[in-house]
Protein backbone atom coordinates (compact mmCIF):
# COMPACT_ATOMS: atom_id res chain seq x y z
CA MET A 1 4.52 -5.42 0.37
CA ASN A 2 6.58 -7.80 -1.80
CA ILE A 3 4.84 -8.35 -5.44
CA PHE A 4 6.65 -12.08 -5.97
CA ARG A 5 5.41 -13.09 -2.35
CA PRO A 6 3.19 -15.98 -3.37
CA GLN A 7 -0.85 -15.53 -1.83
CA ILE A 8 -1.75 -17.79 0.65
CA PRO A 9 -5.45 -18.32 2.01
CA TYR A 10 -5.54 -16.56 5.29
CA VAL A 11 -5.43 -18.52 8.45
CA PHE A 12 -6.61 -16.98 11.63
CA HIS A 13 -4.42 -17.53 14.84
CA PRO A 14 -5.90 -17.12 18.26
CA PRO A 15 -4.09 -15.86 21.07
CA ARG A 16 -2.47 -18.36 23.15
CA TYR A 17 -0.47 -16.13 26.32
CA SER A 18 2.00 -17.99 27.79
CA ARG A 19 2.92 -17.37 31.47
CA ILE A 20 6.16 -19.91 31.26
CA TRP A 21 7.21 -18.41 27.40
CA ALA A 22 5.95 -14.57 27.63
CA PRO A 23 9.07 -13.71 30.13
CA MET A 24 11.28 -15.36 27.78
CA LEU A 25 9.52 -13.45 24.56
CA ARG A 26 9.63 -10.19 26.36
CA HIS A 27 13.72 -10.16 27.33
CA PHE A 28 14.23 -11.02 23.67
CA SER A 29 11.85 -8.41 22.53
CA GLY A 30 13.71 -6.00 24.74
CA ARG A 31 16.97 -6.77 25.09
CA PHE A 32 17.97 -7.63 20.95
CA LEU A 33 14.59 -6.34 18.93
CA LEU A 34 13.82 -3.04 21.09
CA SER A 35 17.49 -1.93 22.21
CA ARG A 36 19.91 -3.74 19.26
CA LYS A 37 17.32 -3.31 16.20
CA PHE A 38 15.42 -0.08 16.78
CA ARG A 39 17.94 1.68 19.16
CA THR A 40 15.04 2.52 21.66
CA ARG A 41 15.11 3.24 25.63
CA VAL A 42 11.97 3.80 26.90
CA THR A 43 12.51 6.72 29.25
CA SER A 44 9.23 7.99 30.58
CA VAL A 45 5.75 6.20 30.64
CA GLU A 46 2.73 8.13 32.01
CA GLY A 47 -0.40 6.99 33.19
CA LEU A 48 -0.20 3.23 33.25
CA GLU A 49 -0.98 2.96 37.19
CA ARG A 50 -4.71 3.83 36.23
CA LEU A 51 -5.04 1.67 33.84
CA ALA A 52 -3.39 -1.54 35.69
CA ALA A 53 -5.48 -0.88 38.72
CA LEU A 54 -8.58 -1.07 36.66
CA SER A 55 -7.21 -4.34 34.76
CA ARG A 56 -6.66 -6.08 37.89
CA GLU A 57 -10.21 -5.23 38.86
CA GLY A 58 -11.07 -7.31 35.60
CA HIS A 59 -12.55 -3.95 33.76
CA ALA A 60 -12.62 -4.41 29.84
CA ILE A 61 -9.80 -1.88 28.74
CA LEU A 62 -8.95 -1.14 25.19
CA VAL A 63 -5.28 0.51 24.86
CA ALA A 64 -5.40 2.93 21.66
CA PRO A 65 -2.23 4.30 20.55
CA ASN A 66 -0.85 5.85 17.50
CA HIS A 67 1.16 3.77 15.56
CA ALA A 68 4.57 5.40 13.72
CA ASP A 69 7.30 3.24 14.18
CA HIS A 70 7.77 -0.84 13.93
CA ALA A 71 8.85 -0.71 17.38
CA ASP A 72 5.65 0.38 19.00
CA PRO A 73 4.85 -3.12 19.97
CA HIS A 74 7.68 -3.84 21.71
CA VAL A 75 7.85 -0.18 23.75
CA LEU A 76 4.46 -0.82 24.99
CA VAL A 77 5.56 -4.21 26.32
CA ARG A 78 8.45 -2.70 27.97
CA ALA A 79 6.40 -0.45 29.36
CA SER A 80 3.20 -2.42 30.85
CA HIS A 81 6.05 -4.66 32.28
CA GLN A 82 6.98 -1.96 34.83
CA GLU A 83 3.51 -2.91 36.30
CA GLY A 84 3.83 -6.41 35.52
CA LEU A 85 0.49 -6.02 33.32
CA PRO A 86 0.39 -8.60 30.20
CA LEU A 87 -0.84 -7.02 27.08
CA HIS A 88 -2.94 -8.55 24.15
CA PHE A 89 -2.68 -7.23 20.72
CA MET A 90 -4.58 -7.26 17.71
CA ALA A 91 -1.91 -7.46 14.88
CA ALA A 92 -1.60 -7.60 10.87
CA ARG A 93 -2.13 -11.18 9.77
CA GLU A 94 1.65 -10.67 7.75
CA GLY A 95 3.77 -10.75 11.29
CA PHE A 96 1.99 -14.36 11.62
CA GLU A 97 2.86 -15.35 7.86
CA ARG A 98 6.44 -15.14 8.32
CA GLY A 99 6.96 -18.59 9.60
CA ARG A 100 5.80 -21.00 12.46
CA LEU A 101 8.61 -19.52 14.94
CA SER A 102 7.06 -16.05 14.63
CA ALA A 103 3.13 -17.22 14.78
CA PHE A 104 4.60 -19.35 17.74
CA ALA A 105 5.92 -16.22 19.37
CA LEU A 106 3.42 -13.43 18.88
CA GLN A 107 0.55 -15.96 20.05
CA ARG A 108 2.36 -17.04 23.12
CA MET A 109 2.66 -13.15 23.72
CA GLY A 110 -0.59 -12.53 23.85
CA ALA A 111 -1.16 -11.59 20.22
CA PHE A 112 -3.86 -12.75 17.63
CA SER A 113 -4.03 -12.21 13.75
CA VAL A 114 -6.07 -9.89 12.14
CA ASP A 115 -6.82 -9.59 8.12
CA ARG A 116 -6.83 -6.16 7.37
CA GLU A 117 -8.22 -6.57 3.78
CA GLY A 118 -11.39 -8.16 4.66
CA VAL A 119 -14.20 -8.63 7.30
CA ASP A 120 -12.44 -10.91 9.94
CA VAL A 121 -15.14 -12.47 12.09
CA SER A 122 -12.61 -14.24 13.50
CA ALA A 123 -10.65 -11.46 14.73
CA ILE A 124 -13.37 -9.32 15.55
CA LYS A 125 -14.98 -12.29 17.85
CA THR A 126 -11.68 -12.77 19.44
CA ALA A 127 -11.14 -9.17 20.57
CA ILE A 128 -14.73 -8.79 22.04
CA GLN A 129 -14.41 -12.05 24.25
CA LEU A 130 -10.67 -10.62 25.33
CA LEU A 131 -12.66 -7.63 26.18
CA GLN A 132 -15.36 -9.16 28.13
CA ASN A 133 -12.98 -11.66 29.78
CA GLY A 134 -11.06 -8.52 31.45
CA GLU A 135 -7.96 -10.46 31.98
CA TYR A 136 -5.69 -8.14 30.02
CA PRO A 137 -6.01 -5.37 28.37
CA LEU A 138 -6.30 -5.52 24.41
CA VAL A 139 -4.22 -3.55 22.09
CA MET A 140 -5.55 -2.13 18.88
CA PHE A 141 -3.85 0.53 16.39
CA PRO A 142 -6.43 2.40 15.40
CA GLU A 143 -4.16 3.85 12.51
CA GLY A 144 -3.71 0.73 11.10
CA GLU A 145 -0.38 1.30 8.95
CA ILE A 146 2.89 2.78 9.99
CA TYR A 147 3.40 5.96 8.36
CA HIS A 148 6.46 7.02 9.89
CA HIS A 149 4.83 10.51 11.08
CA HIS A 150 5.37 10.75 14.85
CA GLU A 151 3.46 13.94 15.31
CA ALA A 152 0.62 14.14 12.61
CA LEU A 153 -1.90 11.12 13.51
CA ASP A 154 -3.43 9.77 10.71
CA GLU A 155 -7.21 9.52 10.32
CA LEU A 156 -8.42 6.37 12.59
CA ASN A 157 -10.28 3.22 12.16
CA GLU A 158 -13.78 3.47 14.00
CA GLY A 159 -13.70 -0.38 14.10
CA VAL A 160 -11.59 -0.14 17.16
CA ALA A 161 -14.49 1.67 18.87
CA THR A 162 -17.37 -0.06 17.27
CA ILE A 163 -15.34 -3.49 18.98
CA LEU A 164 -15.00 -1.90 22.21
CA LEU A 165 -18.98 -0.38 22.21
CA ARG A 166 -19.88 -4.05 21.36
CA ALA A 167 -18.23 -5.41 24.29
CA SER A 168 -19.65 -3.37 26.75
CA THR A 169 -23.26 -4.62 26.18
CA ARG A 170 -21.77 -7.95 26.78
CA LEU A 171 -20.20 -7.12 30.42
CA LYS A 172 -20.77 -9.10 33.73
CA GLU A 173 -22.34 -6.92 36.23
CA GLY A 174 -20.60 -4.70 38.35
CA LYS A 175 -17.68 -4.63 35.18
CA ARG A 176 -16.99 -1.57 33.05
CA SER A 177 -15.19 -0.61 30.02
CA TYR A 178 -12.68 1.44 29.37
CA MET A 179 -10.70 3.24 26.16
CA VAL A 180 -7.54 4.72 27.08
CA PRO A 181 -6.20 7.07 23.97
CA THR A 182 -1.99 6.26 24.24
CA ALA A 183 0.56 8.57 23.00
CA LEU A 184 4.02 6.74 21.76
CA ARG A 185 6.69 9.58 21.00
CA TYR A 186 10.24 8.87 19.81
CA VAL A 187 12.80 11.50 20.24
CA HIS A 188 15.95 11.10 18.26
CA ASP A 189 19.44 11.88 20.43
CA PRO A 190 20.96 14.93 18.95
CA SER A 191 24.07 12.90 17.21
CA VAL A 192 21.82 11.67 14.37
CA GLU A 193 22.36 15.10 12.74
CA ALA A 194 25.49 13.62 11.73
CA THR A 195 24.24 10.54 9.86
CA PHE A 196 22.07 12.79 7.91
CA ALA A 197 24.17 13.92 4.95
CA ALA A 198 25.88 10.19 4.39
CA ARG A 199 22.34 8.35 4.51
CA MET A 200 20.61 11.46 1.81
CA SER A 201 24.12 10.78 -0.25
CA ARG A 202 23.45 7.15 -0.73
CA LEU A 203 19.56 7.81 -1.37
CA GLU A 204 20.84 10.26 -4.31
CA LYS A 205 23.65 7.18 -5.51
CA SER A 206 20.62 4.50 -5.49
CA VAL A 207 18.64 7.06 -8.48
CA THR A 208 22.37 7.84 -9.90
CA TRP A 209 22.08 11.23 -8.85
CA LYS A 210 25.35 12.85 -7.55
CA PRO A 211 25.15 13.62 -4.13
CA ARG A 212 25.03 17.07 -2.81
CA PRO A 213 26.40 17.24 1.05
CA HIS A 214 26.68 21.30 1.14
CA VAL A 215 22.62 21.23 0.37
CA ASP A 216 20.64 22.05 2.78
CA ILE A 217 19.11 18.94 4.33
CA VAL A 218 15.52 19.38 3.98
CA ALA A 219 16.13 20.91 0.08
CA ARG A 220 17.81 17.69 -0.86
CA ILE A 221 15.05 15.37 0.70
CA TYR A 222 12.59 17.56 -1.42
CA GLN A 223 14.34 17.59 -4.39
CA LEU A 224 14.73 13.94 -3.94
CA GLY A 225 11.12 13.86 -3.83
CA GLY A 226 10.38 15.23 -7.05
CA GLY A 227 12.81 12.99 -8.50
CA LEU A 228 11.48 10.05 -7.15
CA ILE A 229 7.86 11.28 -8.10
CA ALA A 230 8.78 11.82 -11.89
CA LEU A 231 10.01 8.73 -12.09
CA LYS A 232 6.67 6.73 -10.66
CA GLU A 233 4.99 9.22 -13.32
CA GLN A 234 6.62 8.33 -16.15
CA GLU A 235 6.33 4.39 -14.78
CA PHE A 236 2.53 4.65 -13.90
CA LEU A 237 1.24 7.21 -16.28
CA GLY A 238 3.71 7.54 -19.28
CA HIS A 239 4.26 11.42 -18.38
CA THR A 240 5.11 13.42 -15.71
CA MET A 241 2.83 16.27 -14.05
CA ASP A 242 3.54 20.29 -14.14
CA ALA A 243 2.53 21.18 -10.72
CA PRO A 244 4.09 21.73 -6.77
CA LEU A 245 5.11 18.18 -5.10
CA VAL A 246 2.34 18.02 -3.02
CA GLU A 247 -0.45 18.01 -5.62
CA ARG A 248 1.73 15.79 -7.55
CA ILE A 249 1.73 13.21 -4.73
CA VAL A 250 -1.90 13.18 -4.59
CA ASN A 251 -2.64 13.50 -7.92
CA LEU A 252 -0.52 10.40 -8.74
CA GLN A 253 -1.76 8.32 -5.82
CA GLY A 254 -5.74 9.09 -6.62
CA ALA A 255 -4.64 7.88 -10.70
CA LEU A 256 -3.34 4.42 -9.30
CA VAL A 257 -6.12 3.40 -7.36
CA ALA A 258 -8.62 4.83 -10.10
CA GLN A 259 -6.89 2.79 -12.43
CA MET A 260 -7.22 -0.44 -10.13
CA GLU A 261 -11.00 0.38 -9.76
CA GLU A 262 -11.78 0.62 -13.25
CA LYS A 263 -10.01 -2.62 -14.18
CA HIS A 264 -11.28 -4.72 -11.59
CA GLY A 265 -15.06 -3.08 -11.51
CA ARG A 266 -15.58 -1.16 -8.71
CA SER A 267 -16.42 2.29 -7.01
CA GLY A 268 -14.42 3.85 -4.52
CA GLY A 269 -17.16 6.53 -3.92
CA SER A 270 -16.97 8.66 -1.00
CA ASP A 271 -14.63 6.28 0.83
CA ARG A 272 -10.72 7.34 1.76
CA LEU A 273 -7.87 6.05 0.23
CA PRO A 274 -6.59 3.53 2.65
CA GLU A 275 -10.19 2.07 2.53
CA ARG A 276 -10.34 2.07 -1.42
CA VAL A 277 -6.95 0.59 -1.42
CA LYS A 278 -7.90 -2.17 1.24
CA ALA A 279 -11.01 -3.17 -0.57
CA LEU A 280 -9.19 -3.46 -4.00
CA ARG A 281 -6.62 -5.47 -2.34
CA SER A 282 -8.26 -7.75 -1.04
CA LYS A 283 -10.48 -8.61 -4.13
CA VAL A 284 -6.42 -9.10 -6.02
CA ARG A 285 -5.13 -11.31 -3.57
CA LYS A 286 -8.50 -13.49 -4.23
CA ALA A 287 -8.20 -13.43 -7.48
CA LEU A 288 -4.73 -14.46 -6.99
CA ILE A 289 -5.27 -17.62 -4.72
CA ASN A 290 -8.16 -18.31 -6.29
CA GLN A 291 -6.46 -19.42 -10.15
CA GLY A 292 -5.36 -22.88 -8.42
CA GLU A 293 -1.72 -24.41 -8.35
CA TYR A 294 -0.97 -23.38 -11.70
CA PRO A 295 -2.21 -20.45 -12.79
CA ASP A 296 -1.40 -18.65 -16.00
CA GLU A 297 1.62 -16.80 -15.93
CA ARG A 298 0.30 -13.91 -17.04
CA SER A 299 -2.53 -13.33 -15.72
CA GLN A 300 -0.24 -13.97 -12.39
CA TRP A 301 1.87 -11.46 -12.83
CA SER A 302 -1.07 -8.64 -14.13
CA LEU A 303 -2.40 -9.32 -10.57
CA TYR A 304 1.06 -8.83 -8.69
CA ASP A 305 1.49 -5.91 -10.89
CA ASP A 306 -2.00 -4.42 -9.55
CA LEU A 307 -0.62 -5.45 -6.03
CA ASP A 308 2.63 -3.36 -6.60
CA ARG A 309 0.53 0.11 -8.15
CA LEU A 310 -1.79 -0.53 -4.69
CA PHE A 311 1.34 -0.55 -2.91
CA VAL A 312 2.58 2.61 -4.60
CA ALA A 313 -0.13 4.60 -3.86
CA VAL A 314 -0.06 3.80 0.23
CA GLN A 315 3.61 4.86 -0.05
CA LEU A 316 2.62 8.25 -1.29
CA TYR A 317 -0.27 8.45 0.81
CA SER A 318 2.09 7.99 3.90
CA TYR A 319 4.14 11.19 2.91
CA PRO A 320 2.02 13.85 4.37
CA GLY A 321 2.28 16.94 2.72
CA GLN A 322 4.13 19.98 4.44
CA TYR A 323 4.62 17.72 7.41
CA LEU A 324 8.56 18.12 6.82
CA ALA A 325 8.59 21.59 5.19
CA GLU A 326 6.45 22.96 8.53
CA ALA A 327 8.79 22.37 10.75
CA PRO A 328 12.28 20.66 10.02
CA SER A 329 13.32 19.41 13.35
CA VAL A 330 15.46 16.88 13.81
CA ASP A 331 13.31 14.20 14.80
CA ARG A 332 11.38 14.62 11.49
CA ILE A 333 14.21 14.91 9.29
CA ALA A 334 14.98 12.06 10.87
CA GLU A 335 11.58 10.10 10.53
CA THR A 336 11.56 11.24 7.07
CA LEU A 337 14.77 9.83 5.78
CA LEU A 338 13.67 6.55 7.77
CA LYS A 339 10.66 6.30 5.67
CA LEU A 340 12.94 7.24 2.29
CA GLU A 341 15.19 4.20 2.89
CA GLU A 342 12.33 2.04 3.59
CA ASP A 343 10.73 3.12 0.17
CA VAL A 344 14.05 3.56 -1.95
CA LEU A 345 16.72 1.11 -0.14
CA GLY A 346 14.21 -1.67 1.04
CA LYS A 347 15.55 -1.37 4.77
CA GLY A 348 15.41 1.58 7.26
CA ASP A 349 18.39 2.94 9.42
CA TYR A 350 18.06 3.14 13.12
CA PRO A 351 21.59 4.47 13.56
CA VAL A 352 21.86 6.46 17.00
CA PHE A 353 19.70 5.73 20.02
CA ARG A 354 16.32 6.86 20.64
CA GLU A 355 14.02 8.00 23.43
CA ALA A 356 10.62 6.30 23.49
CA HIS A 357 7.96 8.14 25.77
CA VAL A 358 4.24 6.41 26.59
CA HIS A 359 1.88 8.58 27.72
CA PHE A 360 -2.01 6.62 28.67
CA ASP A 361 -4.29 8.65 28.69
CA GLU A 362 -7.05 8.83 31.91
CA PRO A 363 -8.99 5.70 31.03
CA LEU A 364 -12.40 7.10 29.40
CA ASP A 365 -15.40 4.95 30.49
CA VAL A 366 -17.27 4.70 27.70
CA SER A 367 -20.97 4.29 29.59
CA VAL A 368 -20.15 7.91 31.06
CA PHE A 369 -18.98 8.85 27.94
CA LEU A 370 -22.31 7.46 25.38
CA SER A 371 -24.48 8.84 28.62
CA GLU A 372 -23.33 12.72 28.94
CA ARG A 373 -23.36 13.01 25.26
CA GLY A 374 -27.05 11.26 24.83
CA LEU A 375 -25.46 8.42 22.35
CA ASP A 376 -25.76 4.79 22.40
CA THR A 377 -23.60 1.90 20.98
CA LYS A 378 -24.29 2.99 17.35
CA THR A 379 -24.36 6.52 17.51
CA GLY A 380 -21.31 6.76 19.58
CA VAL A 381 -18.92 4.91 17.20
CA LYS A 382 -18.08 8.11 15.02
CA PRO A 383 -17.80 10.80 18.43
CA LEU A 384 -15.74 8.23 20.12
CA THR A 385 -13.16 7.96 17.49
CA GLN A 386 -12.77 11.76 16.98
CA HIS A 387 -12.51 12.02 21.02
CA VAL A 388 -9.40 9.47 20.64
CA ALA A 389 -7.78 11.22 17.83
CA MET A 390 -8.09 14.70 19.59
CA ARG A 391 -6.85 13.17 22.92
CA ILE A 392 -3.73 11.47 21.02
CA GLN A 393 -2.80 14.18 18.77
CA ALA A 394 -2.81 16.78 22.09
CA MET A 395 -0.49 13.92 24.02
CA LEU A 396 1.81 14.21 21.01
CA GLU A 397 1.94 17.79 20.66
CA HIS A 398 2.76 17.63 24.61
CA VAL A 399 5.55 15.32 24.48
CA SER A 400 6.71 17.23 21.38
CA VAL A 401 7.18 20.41 22.95
CA ASN A 402 8.05 18.89 26.60
CA GLY A 403 9.23 15.32 25.98
């Protein structure tokens, strides 16, 4: 998020899948974005045949993948093309707001926008309608954000299950609804390890530290993390904390969100931090939009500063404790360096090719799932969400060990 970016009223962008434009855009996605920008090859796809067969029969299919990399949509497009299967995507509004060309391309590929910081009725209705029509599967990322830790799934948003269960009550006779948990796992070429020292030195130099190329790379990452968190503590709290790094991360993100809730008169209650941030960002962005064409400069800056603080809270949330320390593999080090580069330098580096493994789970008939557990479309939301999370995590671990 850019704190200087003007806030504009949200405009819903519906899907406009085009059989003429989609092949050309798919080629661009694979040849230039997936291959050249994200340096990724899709090397294995499992379970696609079952999903494609059900789609061709016109059933409602919701694909729910983990979301740990910017390449994820492009990987899914490439994978599904093996069966000639187009996909619809629910995608964040920001992608459509980059410009008319970006919006045009996304819509012709079957994507539609969603405002993640509000109740986007248009997006919800569109998702349900696409599932009812059953022409192509719908992809929704239940994690919502990209956190760059492929082997550890973040808590899933229950809205994905809610949409599919609502759609399941409106299907034509003979049609059924299916949830397809999906795992996307990236495995780096071993040559990426040779890039670690130089990339870490660049990060250290960016905070005026002397590079220490002979120190263990994981130790360097945690030392830099401690320095960065101290800078943010001083910036936002006026002092540094005396506690282990993980505890400091949790405390600072909580303090930032609590500050904003107090300022804007909102209580977070028992909500998870992402939901609290979502509600606050929605309120701040509405305030910026409603100030008129020539808002007071000081009040505008204060609101943008609030957005910046909330963004820092989300950045901190995306560093999952001991993820790196508990298993400092080449992949986890590469993921962490990429994330640090994005957060510190503004742009992550994909220095070598990666293999993308895609595993579509056995499609889950939601009617059978509810019936076996004595649930209905309301009481089944949480159990279905938990089941999806369990299946994705199991597949990620399988690929991690055997991929």
